[in-house]
Amino acid sequence: MSIQSVGQLVLDLGVKLPVVVEVSNASLSSDAGLLAVRQFDEQLRFTELFSAALGEPRVGDVEHPRLSMVRQRMYGILAGYEDQNDHDALRSDPVFKLIANRLPTDPDLASQPTLSRFENSVTIPDLWKLRDVLADQFLDAFPEPPLRITLDADAVDDPTHGRQQLTLFHGFYEQYQYLPVVITCAETDQVALVGLRHGTAHPALGVDDDLRYLVGRIRERWPDVEIHVRGDCGCGLPSMYDVCEELRITYTFGLSMNPRLKAACDELQTQALTDYAESGGKPQRQFLDLWYRADSWPRERFVVIKVEAHEQGTNQRAVVTNRLGAPQCPAAVYDSYTERGESENRNKELKVGLHADRLSDHRFMANFFRLYLHAAALNLLVRLRRHIRTTFTPAELGVLDEGPAATLPEPERRKYFNRRREADPLGEGHACTWRVRLFKVAAEVFVTARRVVVRVSAHWPYLTHLIDVARQTGAVVVPSG
C-alpha cells in the first residue's frame, strides 16, 4: 500500500478560521458497513458455496484464491464498484481485505488484470454448476416448506458499449445489447435463475427449458408444492402455455390486444365510459372473460380482458390463464398478474441498483459469469433485508384499524407501503438505500496483538443501523464503559 503525501490544502470557505485538509497515514476505509453483510454471509456460507462451484485450473499454492476474488467482486458490486478497474484501488482497502479473509496488514488483494483473468477462465461446466447453486440458494431462502411458489419470468435489456461476443443491435430498444432472462420468486424476492442471451434473442428464447429445470429442482425438494408462472406478452407464447401444461403448473401470461379481442370488449368499454361520465369522473374498471382461440392455437384458452376509463382516457389489457377458478373470479386473476410488478422491481435493482448492465468483458461466458455475480449479490442483499425486516400491521402505521395489508383498498394500500418504508428503511430499502445508510461509512482500521479494530464515528447519523444489523446477524454487542 502506497502512502501519498501532499502536504496541506488550505481552503477559504468564509468561516472565521481557515479550513485545512490534511492527508492521514491511518488505515482508513469508506465501506465499513459491508462488514455486517460479511457477518451474515459467514452464517449462510453464501459466497463460500458460490465459489466452491467454480473449477480451479491453477495448481500449487495460489496468491489469490477464487473465494477471495469472488468476495472482492460480489461485495464491490454491493458497494457500487461494478467494474474490475475499481479494485486496483480497493485491493489495498482494509475492509475489503477483511471481507476477503485477510488482515489489513496482509498483502494486497487481486488487481484488475488478475480479476479479468479469473472471470475469463470460467467454463461452461462452471456456469452449469452456478445455475445449481443459484437454485439451491433460492430454495434455501424459504424458512419452511411453502404451499405455493410464484415464478416471474422477464427479459431485461442490457446495453453494451464495446465489441463483446454476441452483442447485437436490437431494433426495438435501438441499442447494441444482450437480452438476459431473469426468473424471480414472488414469495422470497430471490433470483431463482438467470440466463444471458444474444442481443436480438426473442424474449421467450430458452425460457421453456429454464422452467423445466427450475420446476424439476423445486419438486425434488417439495413434490406437492403448487407452482404458478407469470410473464408479460413477450414470454406469453403458445409454446410457453404448452410447457406449463406439460409440467402441470398454472400460468398467467400477458396477451397482446388484437382486433378480435378489441371487438369483443367494445360494448364493455362503452359501458365503462358511460359509467365514468355519470359518476362525475370516478375511474371505472370492468372485466370481460371468454374462451378464446387464436388462429395459431390448437385449442381454446381462457382469457381475461380488463377495460378502464379514467382521466387519461381508456385502457385495455388481456391475460391468458389456466388457473382454476378464473371464470368465477376474473378480476382476482388479473390483479394477481399485476402483482408481478414487484418482481420487476427486483429486475430494476439488479440492472440499475447493482449495475448488472456492466457486462463489459469480451468473452460471452465471462459476461455470463458476471451476470451470476450480480444476481448472487442481489440475493445476498435480499436475504439480509428479509432477515432484519420488521413486520407492521396497517393499524400500527395508522392506516386502518383492522384488516391485513393485502385487503387494503387504494389509496390506503399505497399509504401503508409508503409508511412501512419510512418506518423500516433497511428492511424495505433497495441497494442505494443500504449504501447511504449502512455500507458507506468511513472507518479507521488497525491491528493490535489481540484483535482487529474498526473504529467508526460516534456522530455517524446511521450508527444505530450498523448496531441493529450486526446484532441480528450474530454479532456480540459489548456495552460501552
Protein backbone atom coordinates (compact mmCIF):
# COMPACT_ATOMS: atom_id res chain seq x y z
CA MET A 1 0.00 0.00 0.00
CA SER A 2 1.42 3.38 -1.00
CA ILE A 3 1.22 6.40 1.28
CA GLN A 4 0.78 9.68 -0.61
CA SER A 5 1.99 12.93 0.91
CA VAL A 6 0.57 16.18 -0.49
CA GLY A 7 1.08 18.44 2.49
CA GLN A 8 -1.96 20.54 3.34
CA LEU A 9 -4.83 22.06 1.39
CA VAL A 10 -5.94 25.39 2.84
CA LEU A 11 -9.49 26.36 1.87
CA ASP A 12 -11.27 29.69 2.35
CA LEU A 13 -14.92 28.85 2.98
CA GLY A 14 -15.95 32.15 4.51
CA VAL A 15 -15.88 30.94 8.11
CA LYS A 16 -13.90 32.56 10.93
CA LEU A 17 -10.92 30.19 10.64
CA PRO A 18 -9.16 28.73 7.57
CA VAL A 19 -10.11 25.14 6.72
CA VAL A 20 -7.11 22.83 6.37
CA VAL A 21 -7.31 19.44 4.64
CA GLU A 22 -4.55 17.01 5.61
CA VAL A 23 -3.69 13.50 4.49
CA SER A 24 -3.79 10.93 7.28
CA ASN A 25 -1.41 7.99 7.50
CA ALA A 26 -4.12 5.95 9.26
CA SER A 27 -5.55 2.87 7.57
CA LEU A 28 -8.97 4.13 6.51
CA SER A 29 -11.93 2.75 4.56
CA SER A 30 -15.16 4.27 3.28
CA ASP A 31 -17.13 0.96 3.21
CA ALA A 32 -17.05 -0.32 6.79
CA GLY A 33 -20.77 -1.17 6.80
CA LEU A 34 -20.10 -4.09 4.45
CA LEU A 35 -18.71 -5.98 7.45
CA ALA A 36 -22.28 -6.51 8.71
CA VAL A 37 -23.14 -8.20 5.42
CA ARG A 38 -20.00 -10.31 5.68
CA GLN A 39 -21.13 -11.47 9.14
CA PHE A 40 -24.43 -12.66 7.63
CA ASP A 41 -22.60 -14.22 4.68
CA GLU A 42 -20.46 -16.27 7.10
CA GLN A 43 -23.58 -17.76 8.67
CA LEU A 44 -25.13 -18.70 5.33
CA ARG A 45 -21.82 -19.78 3.73
CA PHE A 46 -23.25 -17.86 0.77
CA THR A 47 -20.12 -16.78 -1.09
CA GLU A 48 -18.29 -19.93 0.01
CA LEU A 49 -20.82 -22.18 -1.73
CA PHE A 50 -20.85 -19.92 -4.78
CA SER A 51 -17.07 -20.08 -5.08
CA ALA A 52 -16.99 -23.86 -4.50
CA ALA A 53 -18.91 -24.36 -7.75
CA LEU A 54 -16.02 -22.94 -9.77
CA GLY A 55 -13.24 -25.13 -11.05
CA GLU A 56 -9.64 -24.31 -10.16
CA PRO A 57 -7.26 -24.81 -13.10
CA ARG A 58 -4.29 -23.43 -11.16
CA VAL A 59 -2.04 -25.86 -9.34
CA GLY A 60 0.02 -25.45 -6.18
CA ASP A 61 -0.23 -22.52 -3.78
CA VAL A 62 -2.07 -19.55 -5.28
CA GLU A 63 -1.78 -15.97 -4.10
CA HIS A 64 -5.41 -15.09 -4.75
CA PRO A 65 -7.86 -17.96 -4.06
CA ARG A 66 -11.11 -17.98 -6.01
CA LEU A 67 -13.16 -17.40 -2.87
CA SER A 68 -11.17 -14.25 -2.18
CA MET A 69 -11.76 -12.93 -5.70
CA VAL A 70 -15.48 -13.83 -5.61
CA ARG A 71 -15.83 -11.83 -2.41
CA GLN A 72 -13.91 -8.90 -3.88
CA ARG A 73 -16.24 -8.73 -6.84
CA MET A 74 -19.52 -9.50 -5.09
CA TYR A 75 -19.01 -7.06 -2.23
CA GLY A 76 -17.68 -4.49 -4.68
CA ILE A 77 -20.96 -4.80 -6.60
CA LEU A 78 -22.95 -4.30 -3.39
CA ALA A 79 -20.96 -1.16 -2.59
CA GLY A 80 -21.31 0.32 -6.09
CA TYR A 81 -17.94 -0.74 -7.53
CA GLU A 82 -19.21 -2.66 -10.52
CA ASP A 83 -16.03 -2.68 -12.62
CA GLN A 84 -12.84 -4.68 -12.25
CA ASN A 85 -10.87 -1.42 -12.57
CA ASP A 86 -12.25 -0.27 -9.21
CA HIS A 87 -10.28 -2.99 -7.47
CA ASP A 88 -6.94 -1.51 -8.44
CA ALA A 89 -7.69 0.97 -5.64
CA LEU A 90 -9.81 -1.30 -3.43
CA ARG A 91 -7.17 -4.04 -3.27
CA SER A 92 -5.43 -2.04 -0.50
CA ASP A 93 -8.66 -1.20 1.35
CA PRO A 94 -8.55 -2.67 4.90
CA VAL A 95 -12.27 -3.51 4.96
CA PHE A 96 -12.13 -5.35 1.63
CA LYS A 97 -9.14 -7.28 2.96
CA LEU A 98 -11.18 -8.36 5.98
CA ILE A 99 -14.06 -9.33 3.71
CA ALA A 100 -11.66 -11.49 1.68
CA ASN A 101 -10.24 -13.24 4.78
CA ARG A 102 -7.07 -11.17 5.11
CA LEU A 103 -5.78 -8.90 7.83
CA PRO A 104 -5.35 -5.21 6.94
CA THR A 105 -1.58 -5.71 7.27
CA ASP A 106 -1.54 -8.66 4.81
CA PRO A 107 -0.53 -8.28 1.14
CA ASP A 108 -2.94 -6.55 -1.22
CA LEU A 109 -5.86 -8.31 -2.89
CA ALA A 110 -6.16 -9.22 -6.58
CA SER A 111 -5.68 -6.44 -9.14
CA GLN A 112 -7.80 -5.74 -12.21
CA PRO A 113 -5.72 -7.94 -14.57
CA THR A 114 -5.92 -10.86 -12.12
CA LEU A 115 -9.69 -10.44 -11.74
CA SER A 116 -10.06 -10.23 -15.51
CA ARG A 117 -8.16 -13.49 -15.98
CA PHE A 118 -10.35 -15.02 -13.27
CA GLU A 119 -13.60 -14.06 -14.99
CA ASN A 120 -12.35 -15.19 -18.38
CA SER A 121 -11.26 -18.57 -17.01
CA VAL A 122 -14.85 -19.59 -16.20
CA THR A 123 -16.00 -22.57 -18.28
CA ILE A 124 -19.37 -23.85 -19.43
CA PRO A 125 -19.39 -26.59 -16.73
CA ASP A 126 -18.75 -23.83 -14.16
CA LEU A 127 -21.83 -21.98 -15.41
CA TRP A 128 -23.98 -25.12 -15.12
CA LYS A 129 -22.81 -25.56 -11.52
CA LEU A 130 -23.55 -21.92 -10.74
CA ARG A 131 -27.07 -22.47 -12.03
CA ASP A 132 -27.43 -25.25 -9.45
CA VAL A 133 -26.01 -23.03 -6.70
CA LEU A 134 -28.41 -20.20 -7.54
CA ALA A 135 -31.34 -22.64 -7.48
CA ASP A 136 -30.19 -24.14 -4.17
CA GLN A 137 -29.87 -20.73 -2.54
CA PHE A 138 -33.28 -19.71 -3.89
CA LEU A 139 -34.83 -22.82 -2.30
CA ASP A 140 -32.90 -22.32 0.94
CA ALA A 141 -34.44 -18.85 1.28
CA PHE A 142 -37.79 -20.41 2.29
CA PRO A 143 -37.87 -20.61 6.11
CA GLU A 144 -40.29 -23.56 5.87
CA PRO A 145 -41.74 -25.71 3.07
CA PRO A 146 -44.07 -23.50 1.02
CA LEU A 147 -47.55 -24.37 -0.15
CA ARG A 148 -47.19 -22.22 -3.25
CA ILE A 149 -44.37 -20.72 -5.31
CA THR A 150 -44.87 -17.95 -7.86
CA LEU A 151 -42.21 -17.55 -10.55
CA ASP A 152 -41.97 -14.41 -12.69
CA ALA A 153 -40.06 -14.61 -15.97
CA ASP A 154 -38.82 -11.44 -17.66
CA ALA A 155 -36.42 -10.38 -20.39
CA VAL A 156 -34.15 -7.47 -19.41
CA ASP A 157 -32.37 -5.31 -21.97
CA ASP A 158 -28.68 -4.96 -21.14
CA PRO A 159 -26.92 -2.33 -23.29
CA THR A 160 -23.33 -2.99 -24.34
CA HIS A 161 -20.69 -0.45 -25.24
CA GLY A 162 -17.89 -2.38 -26.89
CA ARG A 163 -17.31 -5.41 -29.07
CA GLN A 164 -18.42 -8.12 -26.70
CA GLN A 165 -19.20 -11.51 -28.20
CA LEU A 166 -22.85 -11.91 -29.28
CA THR A 167 -23.75 -8.28 -28.67
CA LEU A 168 -26.18 -7.32 -31.45
CA PHE A 169 -28.33 -4.33 -32.38
CA HIS A 170 -31.95 -4.61 -31.25
CA GLY A 171 -34.38 -2.53 -33.27
CA PHE A 172 -37.00 -2.14 -30.52
CA TYR A 173 -34.51 -0.94 -27.88
CA GLU A 174 -32.40 0.90 -30.50
CA GLN A 175 -29.10 -0.19 -29.00
CA TYR A 176 -26.41 -2.83 -29.07
CA GLN A 177 -27.16 -5.16 -26.21
CA TYR A 178 -27.54 -8.52 -24.56
CA LEU A 179 -31.03 -9.73 -23.61
CA PRO A 180 -30.80 -11.69 -20.33
CA VAL A 181 -33.72 -13.61 -18.89
CA VAL A 182 -34.37 -13.36 -15.15
CA ILE A 183 -36.74 -15.62 -13.21
CA THR A 184 -37.59 -14.35 -9.74
CA CYS A 185 -39.72 -15.71 -6.90
CA ALA A 186 -42.56 -13.51 -5.67
CA GLU A 187 -42.65 -15.09 -2.20
CA THR A 188 -38.97 -14.57 -1.30
CA ASP A 189 -37.81 -11.88 -3.79
CA GLN A 190 -34.93 -14.18 -4.75
CA VAL A 191 -33.49 -14.51 -8.24
CA ALA A 192 -34.06 -18.19 -9.00
CA LEU A 193 -32.41 -18.34 -12.43
CA VAL A 194 -30.59 -16.07 -14.87
CA GLY A 195 -29.62 -16.65 -18.47
CA LEU A 196 -27.51 -14.49 -20.78
CA ARG A 197 -28.65 -14.38 -24.40
CA HIS A 198 -27.55 -12.63 -27.57
CA GLY A 199 -28.83 -9.13 -28.24
CA THR A 200 -31.59 -9.99 -30.70
CA ALA A 201 -32.98 -13.03 -28.88
CA HIS A 202 -36.74 -13.45 -28.61
CA PRO A 203 -37.88 -12.68 -25.04
CA ALA A 204 -39.06 -16.29 -24.61
CA LEU A 205 -35.95 -17.94 -26.08
CA GLY A 206 -34.90 -20.80 -23.82
CA VAL A 207 -37.38 -19.93 -21.06
CA ASP A 208 -39.24 -23.21 -21.64
CA ASP A 209 -36.09 -25.21 -20.84
CA ASP A 210 -35.34 -22.91 -17.91
CA LEU A 211 -38.78 -23.66 -16.47
CA ARG A 212 -38.30 -27.40 -16.94
CA TYR A 213 -35.06 -27.20 -14.99
CA LEU A 214 -36.38 -24.95 -12.22
CA VAL A 215 -39.65 -26.80 -11.72
CA GLY A 216 -37.71 -30.06 -11.55
CA ARG A 217 -35.41 -28.64 -8.85
CA ILE A 218 -38.40 -27.35 -6.84
CA ARG A 219 -40.22 -30.67 -6.97
CA GLU A 220 -37.11 -32.58 -5.95
CA ARG A 221 -37.39 -30.80 -2.63
CA TRP A 222 -41.16 -30.28 -2.35
CA PRO A 223 -43.05 -32.67 -4.65
CA ASP A 224 -46.52 -31.35 -3.81
CA VAL A 225 -45.91 -27.59 -3.92
CA GLU A 226 -48.21 -25.59 -6.19
CA ILE A 227 -46.25 -23.62 -8.81
CA HIS A 228 -47.59 -20.63 -10.74
CA VAL A 229 -45.73 -18.84 -13.55
CA ARG A 230 -46.32 -15.26 -14.72
CA GLY A 231 -44.89 -13.39 -17.65
CA ASP A 232 -45.63 -10.49 -19.99
CA CYS A 233 -46.64 -10.69 -23.63
CA GLY A 234 -43.05 -11.32 -24.69
CA CYS A 235 -43.00 -14.62 -22.82
CA GLY A 236 -46.65 -15.39 -23.49
CA LEU A 237 -46.27 -17.73 -26.45
CA PRO A 238 -48.26 -20.93 -27.19
CA SER A 239 -45.06 -22.89 -26.59
CA MET A 240 -44.92 -21.46 -23.08
CA TYR A 241 -48.55 -22.44 -22.44
CA ASP A 242 -47.67 -25.93 -23.63
CA VAL A 243 -44.64 -26.34 -21.38
CA CYS A 244 -46.57 -25.13 -18.33
CA GLU A 245 -49.33 -27.64 -19.06
CA GLU A 246 -46.70 -30.33 -19.65
CA LEU A 247 -45.19 -29.56 -16.23
CA ARG A 248 -48.64 -29.44 -14.58
CA ILE A 249 -48.24 -25.87 -13.34
CA THR A 250 -50.59 -22.93 -13.63
CA TYR A 251 -49.76 -19.80 -15.60
CA THR A 252 -50.92 -16.27 -16.34
CA PHE A 253 -49.29 -14.53 -19.31
CA GLY A 254 -49.97 -11.17 -20.88
CA LEU A 255 -51.76 -11.30 -24.22
CA SER A 256 -51.47 -8.58 -26.84
CA MET A 257 -54.75 -6.96 -27.78
CA ASN A 258 -55.79 -7.61 -31.39
CA PRO A 259 -58.84 -6.58 -33.45
CA ARG A 260 -60.83 -9.66 -32.38
CA LEU A 261 -60.23 -9.05 -28.68
CA LYS A 262 -60.90 -5.33 -29.03
CA ALA A 263 -64.16 -6.04 -30.81
CA ALA A 264 -65.17 -8.48 -28.08
CA CYS A 265 -64.88 -5.79 -25.38
CA ASP A 266 -66.26 -2.80 -27.35
CA GLU A 267 -69.60 -2.94 -25.56
CA LEU A 268 -67.96 -3.17 -22.14
CA GLN A 269 -65.63 -0.27 -22.97
CA THR A 270 -68.63 1.86 -23.96
CA GLN A 271 -70.33 0.99 -20.66
CA ALA A 272 -67.18 1.94 -18.72
CA LEU A 273 -67.08 5.33 -20.47
CA THR A 274 -70.74 5.91 -19.67
CA ASP A 275 -70.25 5.00 -16.02
CA TYR A 276 -67.21 7.28 -15.87
CA ALA A 277 -69.20 10.23 -17.15
CA GLU A 278 -72.21 9.54 -14.90
CA SER A 279 -70.01 9.15 -11.82
CA GLY A 280 -68.53 12.59 -12.26
CA GLY A 281 -65.07 11.42 -13.26
CA LYS A 282 -64.61 8.45 -10.94
CA PRO A 283 -62.25 5.91 -12.60
CA GLN A 284 -64.01 2.80 -13.88
CA ARG A 285 -62.59 -0.69 -14.24
CA GLN A 286 -64.50 -3.68 -15.60
CA PHE A 287 -63.64 -7.18 -16.77
CA LEU A 288 -64.64 -9.47 -19.61
CA ASP A 289 -63.78 -13.17 -19.60
CA LEU A 290 -64.10 -15.52 -22.56
CA TRP A 291 -62.77 -18.68 -24.10
CA TYR A 292 -60.59 -17.61 -26.99
CA ARG A 293 -58.58 -19.35 -29.69
CA ALA A 294 -56.05 -17.51 -31.85
CA ASP A 295 -55.51 -18.85 -35.35
CA SER A 296 -52.17 -20.39 -34.33
CA TRP A 297 -53.53 -22.08 -31.19
CA PRO A 298 -54.57 -25.75 -31.28
CA ARG A 299 -57.47 -25.13 -28.89
CA GLU A 300 -59.30 -22.51 -26.85
CA ARG A 301 -57.79 -20.97 -23.73
CA PHE A 302 -59.31 -18.77 -21.05
CA VAL A 303 -58.73 -15.02 -21.45
CA VAL A 304 -59.46 -12.13 -19.07
CA ILE A 305 -59.71 -8.61 -20.52
CA LYS A 306 -59.58 -5.51 -18.31
CA VAL A 307 -61.14 -2.30 -19.61
CA GLU A 308 -60.67 1.05 -17.91
CA ALA A 309 -61.99 4.57 -18.29
CA HIS A 310 -60.28 7.40 -16.40
CA GLU A 311 -58.99 10.94 -16.84
CA GLN A 312 -56.16 9.76 -19.13
CA GLY A 313 -58.63 8.05 -21.45
CA THR A 314 -59.28 4.33 -21.93
CA ASN A 315 -57.11 1.28 -21.44
CA GLN A 316 -57.49 -2.37 -22.42
CA ARG A 317 -55.25 -5.23 -21.27
CA ALA A 318 -55.61 -9.00 -21.57
CA VAL A 319 -54.12 -12.09 -19.94
CA VAL A 320 -54.40 -15.78 -20.77
CA THR A 321 -54.52 -18.25 -17.90
CA ASN A 322 -55.27 -21.82 -16.90
CA ARG A 323 -55.85 -21.03 -13.22
CA LEU A 324 -58.70 -22.86 -11.56
CA GLY A 325 -61.49 -20.52 -10.58
CA ALA A 326 -60.60 -17.94 -13.23
CA PRO A 327 -64.16 -17.96 -14.71
CA GLN A 328 -65.55 -17.24 -11.24
CA CYS A 329 -63.00 -14.53 -10.25
CA PRO A 330 -61.60 -12.88 -13.39
CA ALA A 331 -60.75 -9.63 -11.56
CA ALA A 332 -58.73 -11.53 -8.94
CA VAL A 333 -56.82 -13.35 -11.69
CA TYR A 334 -55.89 -10.07 -13.37
CA ASP A 335 -54.96 -8.37 -10.09
CA SER A 336 -52.72 -11.30 -9.21
CA TYR A 337 -51.00 -10.91 -12.58
CA THR A 338 -50.30 -7.21 -11.97
CA GLU A 339 -48.52 -8.08 -8.71
CA ARG A 340 -45.62 -9.21 -10.87
CA GLY A 341 -44.71 -5.53 -10.88
CA GLU A 342 -42.97 -6.14 -7.55
CA SER A 343 -40.83 -8.80 -9.22
CA GLU A 344 -39.96 -6.25 -11.90
CA ASN A 345 -38.55 -4.14 -9.07
CA ARG A 346 -36.02 -6.94 -8.47
CA ASN A 347 -35.00 -6.65 -12.12
CA LYS A 348 -34.63 -2.91 -11.64
CA GLU A 349 -32.48 -3.47 -8.57
CA LEU A 350 -30.35 -5.96 -10.48
CA LYS A 351 -29.86 -3.77 -13.54
CA VAL A 352 -29.81 -0.26 -12.04
CA GLY A 353 -29.09 -0.64 -8.33
CA LEU A 354 -26.38 -3.30 -8.73
CA HIS A 355 -25.30 -2.31 -12.25
CA ALA A 356 -25.80 -5.68 -13.95
CA ASP A 357 -25.70 -3.75 -17.22
CA ARG A 358 -21.89 -3.56 -16.87
CA LEU A 359 -21.16 -6.78 -18.74
CA SER A 360 -18.03 -5.39 -20.34
CA ASP A 361 -15.80 -8.47 -20.71
CA HIS A 362 -15.12 -9.50 -24.29
CA ARG A 363 -15.99 -13.18 -23.93
CA PHE A 364 -19.66 -14.15 -23.73
CA MET A 365 -19.06 -16.75 -21.00
CA ALA A 366 -17.15 -14.23 -18.88
CA ASN A 367 -20.13 -11.88 -19.10
CA PHE A 368 -22.45 -14.75 -18.22
CA PHE A 369 -20.35 -15.27 -15.08
CA ARG A 370 -20.58 -11.56 -14.32
CA LEU A 371 -24.37 -11.82 -14.52
CA TYR A 372 -24.23 -14.60 -11.92
CA LEU A 373 -22.08 -12.39 -9.66
CA HIS A 374 -24.63 -9.57 -9.84
CA ALA A 375 -27.58 -11.93 -9.28
CA ALA A 376 -25.88 -13.55 -6.29
CA ALA A 377 -25.06 -10.13 -4.82
CA LEU A 378 -28.75 -9.19 -5.08
CA ASN A 379 -29.82 -12.46 -3.47
CA LEU A 380 -27.42 -11.93 -0.57
CA LEU A 381 -28.79 -8.43 -0.01
CA VAL A 382 -32.40 -9.64 -0.27
CA ARG A 383 -31.74 -12.47 2.21
CA LEU A 384 -30.28 -9.98 4.70
CA ARG A 385 -33.08 -7.48 4.05
CA ARG A 386 -35.75 -10.04 4.83
CA HIS A 387 -33.79 -11.33 7.83
CA ILE A 388 -33.77 -7.94 9.56
CA ARG A 389 -37.17 -6.73 8.30
CA THR A 390 -39.74 -5.52 10.83
CA THR A 391 -43.36 -6.52 10.26
CA PHE A 392 -46.00 -3.84 10.75
CA THR A 393 -49.77 -4.14 10.64
CA PRO A 394 -51.74 -1.35 8.94
CA ALA A 395 -53.12 -0.31 12.33
CA GLU A 396 -49.59 0.09 13.74
CA LEU A 397 -48.81 2.53 10.95
CA GLY A 398 -52.06 4.44 11.39
CA VAL A 399 -53.62 3.39 8.09
CA LEU A 400 -56.68 1.36 9.13
CA ASP A 401 -57.89 -0.02 12.44
CA GLU A 402 -58.11 -3.62 11.27
CA GLY A 403 -57.56 -5.96 8.36
CA PRO A 404 -54.41 -7.34 6.69
CA ALA A 405 -52.42 -5.25 4.25
CA ALA A 406 -53.37 -7.44 1.28
CA THR A 407 -57.04 -6.43 1.66
CA LEU A 408 -56.44 -2.68 1.80
CA PRO A 409 -58.13 -0.63 -0.92
CA GLU A 410 -56.33 2.12 -2.79
CA PRO A 411 -55.11 4.69 -1.77
CA GLU A 412 -54.82 3.19 1.73
CA ARG A 413 -52.68 0.34 0.41
CA ARG A 414 -50.21 2.79 -1.15
CA LYS A 415 -50.17 4.82 2.07
CA TYR A 416 -49.40 1.66 4.08
CA PHE A 417 -46.42 0.71 1.89
CA ASN A 418 -45.05 4.27 1.96
CA ARG A 419 -45.25 4.41 5.75
CA ARG A 420 -43.73 0.94 6.04
CA ARG A 421 -40.73 2.09 4.00
CA GLU A 422 -40.34 5.12 6.27
CA ALA A 423 -40.57 3.01 9.43
CA ASP A 424 -38.16 0.30 8.23
CA PRO A 425 -35.77 1.88 5.67
CA LEU A 426 -33.35 -1.07 5.55
CA GLY A 427 -35.96 -3.81 5.66
CA GLU A 428 -37.71 -2.20 2.69
CA GLY A 429 -34.77 -0.37 1.10
CA HIS A 430 -33.11 -1.08 -2.24
CA ALA A 431 -29.34 -1.25 -2.71
CA CYS A 432 -29.00 2.55 -2.93
CA THR A 433 -30.64 2.92 0.49
CA TRP A 434 -28.33 0.33 2.02
CA ARG A 435 -25.30 2.13 0.59
CA VAL A 436 -26.33 5.50 2.01
CA ARG A 437 -27.47 4.22 5.41
CA LEU A 438 -25.06 1.36 6.09
CA PHE A 439 -22.33 0.45 3.59
CA LYS A 440 -20.78 3.87 3.02
CA VAL A 441 -19.27 4.81 6.35
CA ALA A 442 -15.71 5.95 6.98
CA ALA A 443 -13.73 3.95 9.48
CA GLU A 444 -10.21 3.64 10.82
CA VAL A 445 -8.92 0.07 10.81
CA PHE A 446 -5.90 -1.05 12.80
CA VAL A 447 -4.49 -4.31 14.10
CA THR A 448 -3.32 -4.94 17.64
CA ALA A 449 -1.73 -8.05 19.09
CA ARG A 450 -5.15 -9.45 20.04
CA ARG A 451 -7.72 -8.06 17.62
CA VAL A 452 -8.63 -6.02 14.56
CA VAL A 453 -10.35 -2.74 15.47
CA VAL A 454 -12.70 -0.96 13.06
CA ARG A 455 -13.43 2.47 14.51
CA VAL A 456 -16.40 4.46 13.20
CA SER A 457 -17.53 7.91 14.26
CA ALA A 458 -19.87 8.23 17.23
CA HIS A 459 -21.52 11.09 15.33
CA TRP A 460 -22.41 8.94 12.30
CA PRO A 461 -26.19 9.53 11.92
CA TYR A 462 -26.89 5.91 10.96
CA LEU A 463 -24.80 4.20 13.64
CA THR A 464 -27.93 2.53 15.02
CA HIS A 465 -28.42 0.75 11.69
CA LEU A 466 -25.00 -0.86 11.95
CA ILE A 467 -25.62 -1.93 15.55
CA ASP A 468 -29.07 -3.34 14.79
CA VAL A 469 -28.00 -5.25 11.66
CA ALA A 470 -24.85 -6.60 13.32
CA ARG A 471 -26.83 -7.74 16.36
CA GLN A 472 -29.43 -9.51 14.21
CA THR A 473 -26.72 -11.29 12.23
CA GLY A 474 -24.97 -12.75 15.26
CA ALA A 475 -22.51 -10.09 16.40
CA VAL A 476 -21.83 -9.74 20.12
CA VAL A 477 -22.70 -6.29 21.41
CA VAL A 478 -20.47 -5.24 24.34
CA PRO A 479 -21.84 -2.27 26.35
CA SER A 480 -19.62 0.80 26.42
CA GLY A 481 -17.83 1.75 29.61
